[in-house]
Amino acid sequence: MNYGVGVDVMLGQWFFVGAEHLMRDVSTDNASIIRFGGNIDSATLRAGIKF
């Protein structure tokens, strides 16, 4: 399962900055041979040009 929140803010007519925080639950509960469990959190900062 993935869930998170993010926002982009325009700085003038062409430029933007943004931030995002994502959380991922990657635990498995099936009968596979390889089992993995845990959570992965990530934070992202970005800047760009919209045209």
PDB file of N, CA and C in Angstrom:
ATOM      1  N   MET A   1       0.843  -1.157   0.000  1.00  0.00           N
ATOM      2  CA  MET A   1       0.000   0.000   0.000  1.00  0.00           C
ATOM      3  C   MET A   1       0.899   1.232   0.000  1.00  0.00           C
ATOM      4  N   ASN A   2       0.539   2.234  -0.794  1.00  0.00           N
ATOM      5  CA  ASN A   2       1.242   3.517  -0.855  1.00  0.00           C
ATOM      6  C   ASN A   2       0.291   4.622  -0.433  1.00  0.00           C
ATOM      7  N   TYR A   3       0.790   5.570   0.329  1.00  0.00           N
ATOM      8  CA  TYR A   3       0.010   6.747   0.657  1.00  0.00           C
ATOM      9  C   TYR A   3       0.969   7.886   0.969  1.00  0.00           C
ATOM     10  N   GLY A   4       0.495   9.115   0.767  1.00  0.00           N
ATOM     11  CA  GLY A   4       1.366  10.247   1.002  1.00  0.00           C
ATOM     12  C   GLY A   4       0.667  11.560   0.737  1.00  0.00           C
ATOM     13  N   VAL A   5       1.480  12.616   0.780  1.00  0.00           N
ATOM     14  CA  VAL A   5       0.973  13.966   0.566  1.00  0.00           C
ATOM     15  C   VAL A   5       2.062  14.768  -0.145  1.00  0.00           C
ATOM     16  N   GLY A   6       1.628  15.684  -1.015  1.00  0.00           N
ATOM     17  CA  GLY A   6       2.581  16.519  -1.725  1.00  0.00           C
ATOM     18  C   GLY A   6       1.950  17.828  -2.159  1.00  0.00           C
ATOM     19  N   VAL A   7       2.823  18.774  -2.515  1.00  0.00           N
ATOM     20  CA  VAL A   7       2.341  20.089  -2.944  1.00  0.00           C
ATOM     21  C   VAL A   7       3.345  20.699  -3.925  1.00  0.00           C
ATOM     22  N   ASP A   8       2.831  21.412  -4.929  1.00  0.00           N
ATOM     23  CA  ASP A   8       3.637  22.221  -5.843  1.00  0.00           C
ATOM     24  C   ASP A   8       3.175  23.663  -5.705  1.00  0.00           C
ATOM     25  N   VAL A   9       4.130  24.597  -5.705  1.00  0.00           N
ATOM     26  CA  VAL A   9       3.818  26.020  -5.592  1.00  0.00           C
ATOM     27  C   VAL A   9       4.483  26.746  -6.751  1.00  0.00           C
ATOM     28  N   MET A  10       3.705  27.545  -7.482  1.00  0.00           N
ATOM     29  CA  MET A  10       4.243  28.319  -8.594  1.00  0.00           C
ATOM     30  C   MET A  10       4.995  29.534  -8.058  1.00  0.00           C
ATOM     31  N   LEU A  11       6.159  29.803  -8.642  1.00  0.00           N
ATOM     32  CA  LEU A  11       6.964  30.992  -8.335  1.00  0.00           C
ATOM     33  C   LEU A  11       7.042  31.806  -9.617  1.00  0.00           C
ATOM     34  N   GLY A  12       6.094  32.655  -9.812  1.00  0.00           N
ATOM     35  CA  GLY A  12       6.023  33.416 -11.058  1.00  0.00           C
ATOM     36  C   GLY A  12       5.259  32.614 -12.109  1.00  0.00           C
ATOM     37  N   GLN A  13       5.465  32.967 -13.367  1.00  0.00           N
ATOM     38  CA  GLN A  13       4.711  32.343 -14.455  1.00  0.00           C
ATOM     39  C   GLN A  13       5.290  30.996 -14.888  1.00  0.00           C
ATOM     40  N   TRP A  14       6.589  30.787 -14.733  1.00  0.00           N
ATOM     41  CA  TRP A  14       7.230  29.601 -15.310  1.00  0.00           C
ATOM     42  C   TRP A  14       7.795  28.616 -14.304  1.00  0.00           C
ATOM     43  N   PHE A  15       8.197  29.048 -13.126  1.00  0.00           N
ATOM     44  CA  PHE A  15       8.951  28.209 -12.197  1.00  0.00           C
ATOM     45  C   PHE A  15       8.066  27.681 -11.067  1.00  0.00           C
ATOM     46  N   PHE A  16       8.401  26.483 -10.582  1.00  0.00           N
ATOM     47  CA  PHE A  16       7.686  25.920  -9.444  1.00  0.00           C
ATOM     48  C   PHE A  16       8.654  25.210  -8.514  1.00  0.00           C
ATOM     49  N   VAL A  17       8.253  25.059  -7.270  1.00  0.00           N
ATOM     50  CA  VAL A  17       8.950  24.233  -6.290  1.00  0.00           C
ATOM     51  C   VAL A  17       7.905  23.311  -5.661  1.00  0.00           C
ATOM     52  N   GLY A  18       8.341  22.160  -5.217  1.00  0.00           N
ATOM     53  CA  GLY A  18       7.402  21.218  -4.633  1.00  0.00           C
ATOM     54  C   GLY A  18       8.062  20.328  -3.601  1.00  0.00           C
ATOM     55  N   ALA A  19       7.213  19.674  -2.820  1.00  0.00           N
ATOM     56  CA  ALA A  19       7.670  18.732  -1.807  1.00  0.00           C
ATOM     57  C   ALA A  19       6.652  17.595  -1.721  1.00  0.00           C
ATOM     58  N   GLU A  20       7.145  16.419  -1.342  1.00  0.00           N
ATOM     59  CA  GLU A  20       6.281  15.242  -1.265  1.00  0.00           C
ATOM     60  C   GLU A  20       6.806  14.303  -0.184  1.00  0.00           C
ATOM     61  N   HIS A  21       5.905  13.685   0.547  1.00  0.00           N
ATOM     62  CA  HIS A  21       6.269  12.668   1.531  1.00  0.00           C
ATOM     63  C   HIS A  21       5.427  11.431   1.238  1.00  0.00           C
ATOM     64  N   LEU A  22       6.087  10.305   0.971  1.00  0.00           N
ATOM     65  CA  LEU A  22       5.406   9.046   0.662  1.00  0.00           C
ATOM     66  C   LEU A  22       5.746   7.993   1.698  1.00  0.00           C
ATOM     67  N   MET A  23       4.755   7.168   2.025  1.00  0.00           N
ATOM     68  CA  MET A  23       4.943   6.034   2.922  1.00  0.00           C
ATOM     69  C   MET A  23       4.488   4.775   2.182  1.00  0.00           C
ATOM     70  N   ARG A  24       5.276   3.714   2.282  1.00  0.00           N
ATOM     71  CA  ARG A  24       4.957   2.460   1.595  1.00  0.00           C
ATOM     72  C   ARG A  24       5.008   1.303   2.589  1.00  0.00           C
ATOM     73  N   ASP A  25       3.966   0.503   2.598  1.00  0.00           N
ATOM     74  CA  ASP A  25       3.947  -0.719   3.400  1.00  0.00           C
ATOM     75  C   ASP A  25       4.230  -1.861   2.435  1.00  0.00           C
ATOM     76  N   VAL A  26       5.390  -2.481   2.549  1.00  0.00           N
ATOM     77  CA  VAL A  26       5.807  -3.510   1.602  1.00  0.00           C
ATOM     78  C   VAL A  26       5.887  -4.888   2.251  1.00  0.00           C
ATOM     79  N   SER A  27       5.139  -5.112   3.302  1.00  0.00           N
ATOM     80  CA  SER A  27       5.147  -6.423   3.941  1.00  0.00           C
ATOM     81  C   SER A  27       4.351  -7.418   3.095  1.00  0.00           C
ATOM     82  N   THR A  28       4.757  -8.682   3.134  1.00  0.00           N
ATOM     83  CA  THR A  28       4.060  -9.734   2.393  1.00  0.00           C
ATOM     84  C   THR A  28       3.433 -10.706   3.393  1.00  0.00           C
ATOM     85  N   ASP A  29       2.284 -11.202   3.039  1.00  0.00           N
ATOM     86  CA  ASP A  29       1.583 -12.168   3.881  1.00  0.00           C
ATOM     87  C   ASP A  29       1.165 -13.395   3.076  1.00  0.00           C
ATOM     88  N   ASN A  30       1.836 -13.652   1.970  1.00  0.00           N
ATOM     89  CA  ASN A  30       1.441 -14.779   1.137  1.00  0.00           C
ATOM     90  C   ASN A  30       2.347 -15.982   1.390  1.00  0.00           C
ATOM     91  N   ALA A  31       2.163 -17.030   0.648  1.00  0.00           N
ATOM     92  CA  ALA A  31       2.900 -18.277   0.867  1.00  0.00           C
ATOM     93  C   ALA A  31       4.152 -18.369  -0.009  1.00  0.00           C
ATOM     94  N   SER A  32       4.740 -17.259  -0.377  1.00  0.00           N
ATOM     95  CA  SER A  32       5.936 -17.301  -1.213  1.00  0.00           C
ATOM     96  C   SER A  32       7.152 -17.749  -0.399  1.00  0.00           C
ATOM     97  N   ILE A  33       8.179 -18.164  -1.081  1.00  0.00           N
ATOM     98  CA  ILE A  33       9.398 -18.637  -0.429  1.00  0.00           C
ATOM     99  C   ILE A  33      10.147 -17.470   0.217  1.00  0.00           C
ATOM    100  N   ILE A  34      10.209 -16.346  -0.495  1.00  0.00           N
ATOM    101  CA  ILE A  34      10.909 -15.172   0.013  1.00  0.00           C
ATOM    102  C   ILE A  34       9.899 -14.257   0.705  1.00  0.00           C
ATOM    103  N   ARG A  35      10.192 -13.947   1.942  1.00  0.00           N
ATOM    104  CA  ARG A  35       9.303 -13.053   2.703  1.00  0.00           C
ATOM    105  C   ARG A  35      10.056 -11.767   3.038  1.00  0.00           C
ATOM    106  N   PHE A  36       9.349 -10.663   2.924  1.00  0.00           N
ATOM    107  CA  PHE A  36       9.930  -9.369   3.244  1.00  0.00           C
ATOM    108  C   PHE A  36       8.873  -8.540   3.945  1.00  0.00           C
ATOM    109  N   GLY A  37       9.267  -7.835   4.940  1.00  0.00           N
ATOM    110  CA  GLY A  37       8.322  -6.978   5.642  1.00  0.00           C
ATOM    111  C   GLY A  37       8.966  -5.685   6.056  1.00  0.00           C
ATOM    112  N   GLY A  38       8.197  -4.649   6.006  1.00  0.00           N
ATOM    113  CA  GLY A  38       8.724  -3.372   6.456  1.00  0.00           C
ATOM    114  C   GLY A  38       8.003  -2.208   5.827  1.00  0.00           C
ATOM    115  N   ASN A  39       8.454  -1.029   6.204  1.00  0.00           N
ATOM    116  CA  ASN A  39       7.913   0.210   5.680  1.00  0.00           C
ATOM    117  C   ASN A  39       9.039   1.013   5.058  1.00  0.00           C
ATOM    118  N   ILE A  40       8.735   1.716   3.986  1.00  0.00           N
ATOM    119  CA  ILE A  40       9.695   2.598   3.331  1.00  0.00           C
ATOM    120  C   ILE A  40       9.078   3.987   3.294  1.00  0.00           C
ATOM    121  N   ASP A  41       9.767   4.960   3.861  1.00  0.00           N
ATOM    122  CA  ASP A  41       9.338   6.359   3.821  1.00  0.00           C
ATOM    123  C   ASP A  41      10.313   7.134   2.951  1.00  0.00           C
ATOM    124  N   SER A  42       9.787   8.069   2.153  1.00  0.00           N
ATOM    125  CA  SER A  42      10.659   8.907   1.342  1.00  0.00           C
ATOM    126  C   SER A  42      10.139  10.337   1.337  1.00  0.00           C
ATOM    127  N   ALA A  43      11.074  11.271   1.271  1.00  0.00           N
ATOM    128  CA  ALA A  43      10.756  12.686   1.164  1.00  0.00           C
ATOM    129  C   ALA A  43      11.457  13.226  -0.082  1.00  0.00           C
ATOM    130  N   THR A  44      10.752  14.044  -0.866  1.00  0.00           N
ATOM    131  CA  THR A  44      11.269  14.559  -2.116  1.00  0.00           C
ATOM    132  C   THR A  44      11.069  16.069  -2.166  1.00  0.00           C
ATOM    133  N   LEU A  45      12.119  16.775  -2.573  1.00  0.00           N
ATOM    134  CA  LEU A  45      12.027  18.197  -2.881  1.00  0.00           C
ATOM    135  C   LEU A  45      12.324  18.345  -4.366  1.00  0.00           C
ATOM    136  N   ARG A  46      11.581  19.219  -5.051  1.00  0.00           N
ATOM    137  CA  ARG A  46      11.797  19.374  -6.482  1.00  0.00           C
ATOM    138  C   ARG A  46      11.613  20.825  -6.891  1.00  0.00           C
ATOM    139  N   ALA A  47      12.215  21.165  -8.024  1.00  0.00           N
ATOM    140  CA  ALA A  47      12.052  22.475  -8.634  1.00  0.00           C
ATOM    141  C   ALA A  47      12.038  22.260 -10.140  1.00  0.00           C
ATOM    142  N   GLY A  48      11.303  23.109 -10.848  1.00  0.00           N
ATOM    143  CA  GLY A  48      11.235  22.915 -12.278  1.00  0.00           C
ATOM    144  C   GLY A  48      10.643  24.106 -13.010  1.00  0.00           C
ATOM    145  N   ILE A  49      10.513  23.904 -14.309  1.00  0.00           N
ATOM    146  CA  ILE A  49       9.943  24.903 -15.215  1.00  0.00           C
ATOM    147  C   ILE A  49       8.748  24.299 -15.903  1.00  0.00           C
ATOM    148  N   LYS A  50       7.623  24.989 -15.884  1.00  0.00           N
ATOM    149  CA  LYS A  50       6.435  24.550 -16.623  1.00  0.00           C
ATOM    150  C   LYS A  50       6.308  25.417 -17.851  1.00  0.00           C
ATOM    151  N   PHE A  51       6.134  24.759 -18.983  1.00  0.00           N
ATOM    152  CA  PHE A  51       5.968  25.520 -20.233  1.00  0.00           C
ATOM    153  C   PHE A  51       4.926  24.885 -21.103  1.00  0.00           C
TER     154      PHE A  51
END
